[in-house]
Amino acid sequence: GVTDVGPGSSFADKIMLAQTYLEVPDEESACLILGDFLNQVRAQRGKKLTEEQADQFTADAERLQNSIGCN
């Protein structure tokens, strides 16, 4: 999972924040948070994240974006 990875808990915080927005529902904010998450994953690929973790997080976030209908 994302909870034990990366600098502090910022990855997990972003996912939890996206889920909170989805419950409201506030799809626009959820999409923005997921976009930030993907940027952070890209920035940390090969640094704080392994290639496998980055691939998994990217796939999960993109699946969420698709299910919400983010552009």
PDB file of N, CA and C in Angstrom:
ATOM      1  N   GLY A   1       0.804  -1.187   0.000  1.00  0.00           N
ATOM      2  CA  GLY A   1       0.000   0.000   0.000  1.00  0.00           C
ATOM      3  C   GLY A   1       0.846   1.249   0.000  1.00  0.00           C
ATOM      4  N   VAL A   2       0.188   2.375  -0.056  1.00  0.00           N
ATOM      5  CA  VAL A   2       0.898   3.639  -0.113  1.00  0.00           C
ATOM      6  C   VAL A   2       1.249   4.166   1.260  1.00  0.00           C
ATOM      7  N   THR A   3       0.800   3.515   2.320  1.00  0.00           N
ATOM      8  CA  THR A   3       0.949   4.110   3.643  1.00  0.00           C
ATOM      9  C   THR A   3       2.372   4.068   4.176  1.00  0.00           C
ATOM     10  N   ASP A   4       3.198   3.130   3.746  1.00  0.00           N
ATOM     11  CA  ASP A   4       4.528   3.003   4.319  1.00  0.00           C
ATOM     12  C   ASP A   4       5.622   3.526   3.406  1.00  0.00           C
ATOM     13  N   VAL A   5       5.270   4.293   2.399  1.00  0.00           N
ATOM     14  CA  VAL A   5       6.223   4.636   1.360  1.00  0.00           C
ATOM     15  C   VAL A   5       6.390   6.132   1.233  1.00  0.00           C
ATOM     16  N   GLY A   6       7.599   6.533   0.893  1.00  0.00           N
ATOM     17  CA  GLY A   6       7.817   7.907   0.487  1.00  0.00           C
ATOM     18  C   GLY A   6       8.113   8.836   1.639  1.00  0.00           C
ATOM     19  N   PRO A   7       8.316  10.102   1.282  1.00  0.00           N
ATOM     20  CA  PRO A   7       8.659  11.107   2.282  1.00  0.00           C
ATOM     21  C   PRO A   7       7.474  11.374   3.191  1.00  0.00           C
ATOM     22  N   GLY A   8       7.610  11.076   4.455  1.00  0.00           N
ATOM     23  CA  GLY A   8       6.498  11.250   5.388  1.00  0.00           C
ATOM     24  C   GLY A   8       5.327  10.393   4.966  1.00  0.00           C
ATOM     25  N   SER A   9       4.148  10.942   5.096  1.00  0.00           N
ATOM     26  CA  SER A   9       2.952  10.199   4.694  1.00  0.00           C
ATOM     27  C   SER A   9       2.256  10.905   3.546  1.00  0.00           C
ATOM     28  N   SER A  10       2.991  11.696   2.775  1.00  0.00           N
ATOM     29  CA  SER A  10       2.353  12.547   1.777  1.00  0.00           C
ATOM     30  C   SER A  10       1.624  11.758   0.693  1.00  0.00           C
ATOM     31  N   PHE A  11       2.141  10.589   0.314  1.00  0.00           N
ATOM     32  CA  PHE A  11       1.441   9.788  -0.690  1.00  0.00           C
ATOM     33  C   PHE A  11       0.099   9.329  -0.145  1.00  0.00           C
ATOM     34  N   ALA A  12       0.115   8.761   1.047  1.00  0.00           N
ATOM     35  CA  ALA A  12      -1.123   8.288   1.666  1.00  0.00           C
ATOM     36  C   ALA A  12      -2.079   9.447   1.920  1.00  0.00           C
ATOM     37  N   ASP A  13      -1.547  10.592   2.332  1.00  0.00           N
ATOM     38  CA  ASP A  13      -2.393  11.762   2.590  1.00  0.00           C
ATOM     39  C   ASP A  13      -3.138  12.181   1.333  1.00  0.00           C
ATOM     40  N   LYS A  14      -2.458  12.175   0.191  1.00  0.00           N
ATOM     41  CA  LYS A  14      -3.097  12.593  -1.063  1.00  0.00           C
ATOM     42  C   LYS A  14      -4.213  11.625  -1.450  1.00  0.00           C
ATOM     43  N   ILE A  15      -3.977  10.340  -1.291  1.00  0.00           N
ATOM     44  CA  ILE A  15      -5.009   9.359  -1.633  1.00  0.00           C
ATOM     45  C   ILE A  15      -6.206   9.507  -0.698  1.00  0.00           C
ATOM     46  N   MET A  16      -5.936   9.679   0.592  1.00  0.00           N
ATOM     47  CA  MET A  16      -7.039   9.845   1.542  1.00  0.00           C
ATOM     48  C   MET A  16      -7.825  11.116   1.240  1.00  0.00           C
ATOM     49  N   LEU A  17      -7.127  12.185   0.862  1.00  0.00           N
ATOM     50  CA  LEU A  17      -7.791  13.436   0.530  1.00  0.00           C
ATOM     51  C   LEU A  17      -8.674  13.254  -0.706  1.00  0.00           C
ATOM     52  N   ALA A  18      -8.157  12.548  -1.705  1.00  0.00           N
ATOM     53  CA  ALA A  18      -8.950  12.280  -2.911  1.00  0.00           C
ATOM     54  C   ALA A  18     -10.210  11.499  -2.544  1.00  0.00           C
ATOM     55  N   GLN A  19     -10.070  10.507  -1.670  1.00  0.00           N
ATOM     56  CA  GLN A  19     -11.231   9.707  -1.273  1.00  0.00           C
ATOM     57  C   GLN A  19     -12.245  10.570  -0.523  1.00  0.00           C
ATOM     58  N   THR A  20     -11.767  11.492   0.301  1.00  0.00           N
ATOM     59  CA  THR A  20     -12.653  12.397   1.028  1.00  0.00           C
ATOM     60  C   THR A  20     -13.459  13.247   0.051  1.00  0.00           C
ATOM     61  N   TYR A  21     -12.781  13.787  -0.968  1.00  0.00           N
ATOM     62  CA  TYR A  21     -13.489  14.595  -1.970  1.00  0.00           C
ATOM     63  C   TYR A  21     -14.512  13.762  -2.731  1.00  0.00           C
ATOM     64  N   LEU A  22     -14.201  12.498  -2.968  1.00  0.00           N
ATOM     65  CA  LEU A  22     -15.136  11.644  -3.704  1.00  0.00           C
ATOM     66  C   LEU A  22     -16.399  11.379  -2.898  1.00  0.00           C
ATOM     67  N   GLU A  23     -16.275  11.358  -1.571  1.00  0.00           N
ATOM     68  CA  GLU A  23     -17.436  11.087  -0.728  1.00  0.00           C
ATOM     69  C   GLU A  23     -18.378  12.287  -0.693  1.00  0.00           C
ATOM     70  N   VAL A  24     -17.871  13.487  -0.983  1.00  0.00           N
ATOM     71  CA  VAL A  24     -18.678  14.710  -0.842  1.00  0.00           C
ATOM     72  C   VAL A  24     -19.894  14.731  -1.770  1.00  0.00           C
ATOM     73  N   PRO A  25     -19.939  14.492  -3.053  1.00  0.00           N
ATOM     74  CA  PRO A  25     -18.796  14.294  -3.949  1.00  0.00           C
ATOM     75  C   PRO A  25     -18.300  15.607  -4.544  1.00  0.00           C
ATOM     76  N   ASP A  26     -16.997  15.697  -4.675  1.00  0.00           N
ATOM     77  CA  ASP A  26     -16.357  16.844  -5.309  1.00  0.00           C
ATOM     78  C   ASP A  26     -15.324  16.283  -6.280  1.00  0.00           C
ATOM     79  N   GLU A  27     -15.819  15.870  -7.443  1.00  0.00           N
ATOM     80  CA  GLU A  27     -14.957  15.198  -8.417  1.00  0.00           C
ATOM     81  C   GLU A  27     -13.829  16.098  -8.895  1.00  0.00           C
ATOM     82  N   GLU A  28     -14.110  17.396  -9.056  1.00  0.00           N
ATOM     83  CA  GLU A  28     -13.084  18.308  -9.557  1.00  0.00           C
ATOM     84  C   GLU A  28     -11.877  18.343  -8.615  1.00  0.00           C
ATOM     85  N   SER A  29     -12.148  18.462  -7.312  1.00  0.00           N
ATOM     86  CA  SER A  29     -11.049  18.483  -6.341  1.00  0.00           C
ATOM     87  C   SER A  29     -10.340  17.135  -6.285  1.00  0.00           C
ATOM     88  N   ALA A  30     -11.109  16.047  -6.363  1.00  0.00           N
ATOM     89  CA  ALA A  30     -10.502  14.716  -6.358  1.00  0.00           C
ATOM     90  C   ALA A  30      -9.563  14.566  -7.556  1.00  0.00           C
ATOM     91  N   CYS A  31      -9.984  15.057  -8.717  1.00  0.00           N
ATOM     92  CA  CYS A  31      -9.147  14.967  -9.915  1.00  0.00           C
ATOM     93  C   CYS A  31      -7.866  15.775  -9.747  1.00  0.00           C
ATOM     94  N   LEU A  32      -7.977  16.965  -9.151  1.00  0.00           N
ATOM     95  CA  LEU A  32      -6.786  17.784  -8.922  1.00  0.00           C
ATOM     96  C   LEU A  32      -5.806  17.086  -7.986  1.00  0.00           C
ATOM     97  N   ILE A  33      -6.313  16.493  -6.917  1.00  0.00           N
ATOM     98  CA  ILE A  33      -5.447  15.792  -5.962  1.00  0.00           C
ATOM     99  C   ILE A  33      -4.776  14.604  -6.633  1.00  0.00           C
ATOM    100  N   LEU A  34      -5.529  13.861  -7.434  1.00  0.00           N
ATOM    101  CA  LEU A  34      -4.941  12.700  -8.122  1.00  0.00           C
ATOM    102  C   LEU A  34      -3.874  13.148  -9.115  1.00  0.00           C
ATOM    103  N   GLY A  35      -4.085  14.283  -9.764  1.00  0.00           N
ATOM    104  CA  GLY A  35      -3.063  14.826 -10.651  1.00  0.00           C
ATOM    105  C   GLY A  35      -1.795  15.172  -9.888  1.00  0.00           C
ATOM    106  N   ASP A  36      -1.959  15.800  -8.715  1.00  0.00           N
ATOM    107  CA  ASP A  36      -0.806  16.105  -7.857  1.00  0.00           C
ATOM    108  C   ASP A  36      -0.100  14.833  -7.439  1.00  0.00           C
ATOM    109  N   PHE A  37      -0.885  13.820  -7.086  1.00  0.00           N
ATOM    110  CA  PHE A  37      -0.329  12.525  -6.672  1.00  0.00           C
ATOM    111  C   PHE A  37       0.522  11.938  -7.799  1.00  0.00           C
ATOM    112  N   LEU A  38      -0.007  11.954  -9.023  1.00  0.00           N
ATOM    113  CA  LEU A  38       0.739  11.400 -10.158  1.00  0.00           C
ATOM    114  C   LEU A  38       2.029  12.176 -10.403  1.00  0.00           C
ATOM    115  N   ASN A  39       1.989  13.497 -10.259  1.00  0.00           N
ATOM    116  CA  ASN A  39       3.209  14.295 -10.407  1.00  0.00           C
ATOM    117  C   ASN A  39       4.237  13.926  -9.344  1.00  0.00           C
ATOM    118  N   GLN A  40       3.768  13.720  -8.124  1.00  0.00           N
ATOM    119  CA  GLN A  40       4.668  13.356  -7.032  1.00  0.00           C
ATOM    120  C   GLN A  40       5.274  11.976  -7.279  1.00  0.00           C
ATOM    121  N   VAL A  41       4.462  11.036  -7.753  1.00  0.00           N
ATOM    122  CA  VAL A  41       4.958   9.693  -8.067  1.00  0.00           C
ATOM    123  C   VAL A  41       6.034   9.778  -9.149  1.00  0.00           C
ATOM    124  N   ARG A  42       5.767  10.560 -10.194  1.00  0.00           N
ATOM    125  CA  ARG A  42       6.766  10.714 -11.270  1.00  0.00           C
ATOM    126  C   ARG A  42       8.065  11.287 -10.724  1.00  0.00           C
ATOM    127  N   ALA A  43       7.950  12.281  -9.852  1.00  0.00           N
ATOM    128  CA  ALA A  43       9.143  12.938  -9.299  1.00  0.00           C
ATOM    129  C   ALA A  43       9.958  11.993  -8.419  1.00  0.00           C
ATOM    130  N   GLN A  44       9.295  11.041  -7.762  1.00  0.00           N
ATOM    131  CA  GLN A  44       9.978  10.160  -6.813  1.00  0.00           C
ATOM    132  C   GLN A  44      10.341   8.801  -7.408  1.00  0.00           C
ATOM    133  N   ARG A  45       9.963   8.550  -8.653  1.00  0.00           N
ATOM    134  CA  ARG A  45      10.298   7.274  -9.324  1.00  0.00           C
ATOM    135  C   ARG A  45      11.812   7.097  -9.333  1.00  0.00           C
ATOM    136  N   GLY A  46      12.272   5.961  -8.831  1.00  0.00           N
ATOM    137  CA  GLY A  46      13.698   5.687  -8.814  1.00  0.00           C
ATOM    138  C   GLY A  46      14.434   6.394  -7.686  1.00  0.00           C
ATOM    139  N   LYS A  47      13.716   7.166  -6.872  1.00  0.00           N
ATOM    140  CA  LYS A  47      14.307   7.853  -5.720  1.00  0.00           C
ATOM    141  C   LYS A  47      13.709   7.242  -4.461  1.00  0.00           C
ATOM    142  N   LYS A  48      12.610   7.837  -4.000  1.00  0.00           N
ATOM    143  CA  LYS A  48      11.931   7.303  -2.807  1.00  0.00           C
ATOM    144  C   LYS A  48      11.005   6.147  -3.160  1.00  0.00           C
ATOM    145  N   LEU A  49      10.706   5.992  -4.449  1.00  0.00           N
ATOM    146  CA  LEU A  49       9.849   4.897  -4.908  1.00  0.00           C
ATOM    147  C   LEU A  49      10.627   4.007  -5.858  1.00  0.00           C
ATOM    148  N   THR A  50      10.395   2.714  -5.764  1.00  0.00           N
ATOM    149  CA  THR A  50      10.951   1.801  -6.764  1.00  0.00           C
ATOM    150  C   THR A  50      10.147   1.945  -8.044  1.00  0.00           C
ATOM    151  N   GLU A  51      10.659   1.424  -9.140  1.00  0.00           N
ATOM    152  CA  GLU A  51       9.925   1.437 -10.404  1.00  0.00           C
ATOM    153  C   GLU A  51       8.583   0.722 -10.241  1.00  0.00           C
ATOM    154  N   GLU A  52       8.596  -0.399  -9.518  1.00  0.00           N
ATOM    155  CA  GLU A  52       7.372  -1.186  -9.333  1.00  0.00           C
ATOM    156  C   GLU A  52       6.334  -0.405  -8.538  1.00  0.00           C
ATOM    157  N   GLN A  53       6.775   0.263  -7.459  1.00  0.00           N
ATOM    158  CA  GLN A  53       5.835   1.057  -6.667  1.00  0.00           C
ATOM    159  C   GLN A  53       5.262   2.188  -7.507  1.00  0.00           C
ATOM    160  N   ALA A  54       6.120   2.866  -8.239  1.00  0.00           N
ATOM    161  CA  ALA A  54       5.659   3.984  -9.063  1.00  0.00           C
ATOM    162  C   ALA A  54       4.658   3.502 -10.109  1.00  0.00           C
ATOM    163  N   ASP A  55       4.941   2.352 -10.736  1.00  0.00           N
ATOM    164  CA  ASP A  55       4.014   1.792 -11.726  1.00  0.00           C
ATOM    165  C   ASP A  55       2.669   1.475 -11.086  1.00  0.00           C
ATOM    166  N   GLN A  56       2.696   0.863  -9.903  1.00  0.00           N
ATOM    167  CA  GLN A  56       1.452   0.482  -9.225  1.00  0.00           C
ATOM    168  C   GLN A  56       0.650   1.715  -8.823  1.00  0.00           C
ATOM    169  N   PHE A  57       1.328   2.707  -8.219  1.00  0.00           N
ATOM    170  CA  PHE A  57       0.632   3.920  -7.782  1.00  0.00           C
ATOM    171  C   PHE A  57       0.034   4.653  -8.976  1.00  0.00           C
ATOM    172  N   THR A  58       0.790   4.690 -10.089  1.00  0.00           N
ATOM    173  CA  THR A  58       0.310   5.360 -11.300  1.00  0.00           C
ATOM    174  C   THR A  58      -0.926   4.646 -11.834  1.00  0.00           C
ATOM    175  N   ALA A  59      -0.861   3.335 -11.899  1.00  0.00           N
ATOM    176  CA  ALA A  59      -2.000   2.552 -12.398  1.00  0.00           C
ATOM    177  C   ALA A  59      -3.227   2.767 -11.517  1.00  0.00           C
ATOM    178  N   ASP A  60      -3.040   2.735 -10.200  1.00  0.00           N
ATOM    179  CA  ASP A  60      -4.164   2.925  -9.271  1.00  0.00           C
ATOM    180  C   ASP A  60      -4.777   4.309  -9.433  1.00  0.00           C
ATOM    181  N   ALA A  61      -3.930   5.337  -9.491  1.00  0.00           N
ATOM    182  CA  ALA A  61      -4.429   6.704  -9.598  1.00  0.00           C
ATOM    183  C   ALA A  61      -5.132   6.922 -10.938  1.00  0.00           C
ATOM    184  N   GLU A  62      -4.563   6.369 -12.013  1.00  0.00           N
ATOM    185  CA  GLU A  62      -5.200   6.533 -13.324  1.00  0.00           C
ATOM    186  C   GLU A  62      -6.528   5.796 -13.393  1.00  0.00           C
ATOM    187  N   ARG A  63      -6.622   4.650 -12.726  1.00  0.00           N
ATOM    188  CA  ARG A  63      -7.888   3.908 -12.673  1.00  0.00           C
ATOM    189  C   ARG A  63      -8.942   4.757 -11.941  1.00  0.00           C
ATOM    190  N   LEU A  64      -8.537   5.383 -10.837  1.00  0.00           N
ATOM    191  CA  LEU A  64      -9.450   6.271 -10.100  1.00  0.00           C
ATOM    192  C   LEU A  64      -9.873   7.438 -10.973  1.00  0.00           C
ATOM    193  N   GLN A  65      -8.904   8.058 -11.655  1.00  0.00           N
ATOM    194  CA  GLN A  65      -9.231   9.182 -12.533  1.00  0.00           C
ATOM    195  C   GLN A  65     -10.244   8.784 -13.589  1.00  0.00           C
ATOM    196  N   ASN A  66     -10.045   7.619 -14.184  1.00  0.00           N
ATOM    197  CA  ASN A  66     -10.969   7.132 -15.222  1.00  0.00           C
ATOM    198  C   ASN A  66     -12.352   6.880 -14.653  1.00  0.00           C
ATOM    199  N   SER A  67     -12.421   6.316 -13.444  1.00  0.00           N
ATOM    200  CA  SER A  67     -13.731   6.007 -12.858  1.00  0.00           C
ATOM    201  C   SER A  67     -14.483   7.284 -12.481  1.00  0.00           C
ATOM    202  N   ILE A  68     -13.750   8.346 -12.141  1.00  0.00           N
ATOM    203  CA  ILE A  68     -14.372   9.629 -11.793  1.00  0.00           C
ATOM    204  C   ILE A  68     -14.763  10.373 -13.072  1.00  0.00           C
ATOM    205  N   GLY A  69     -13.946  10.208 -14.109  1.00  0.00           N
ATOM    206  CA  GLY A  69     -14.148  10.945 -15.344  1.00  0.00           C
ATOM    207  C   GLY A  69     -13.278  12.189 -15.430  1.00  0.00           C
ATOM    208  N   CYS A  70     -12.104  12.140 -14.806  1.00  0.00           N
ATOM    209  CA  CYS A  70     -11.162  13.272 -14.894  1.00  0.00           C
ATOM    210  C   CYS A  70     -10.709  13.437 -16.342  1.00  0.00           C
ATOM    211  N   ASN A  71     -10.402  14.660 -16.702  1.00  0.00           N
ATOM    212  CA  ASN A  71      -9.916  14.938 -18.058  1.00  0.00           C
ATOM    213  C   ASN A  71      -8.414  14.749 -18.144  1.00  0.00           C
TER     214      ASN A  71
END
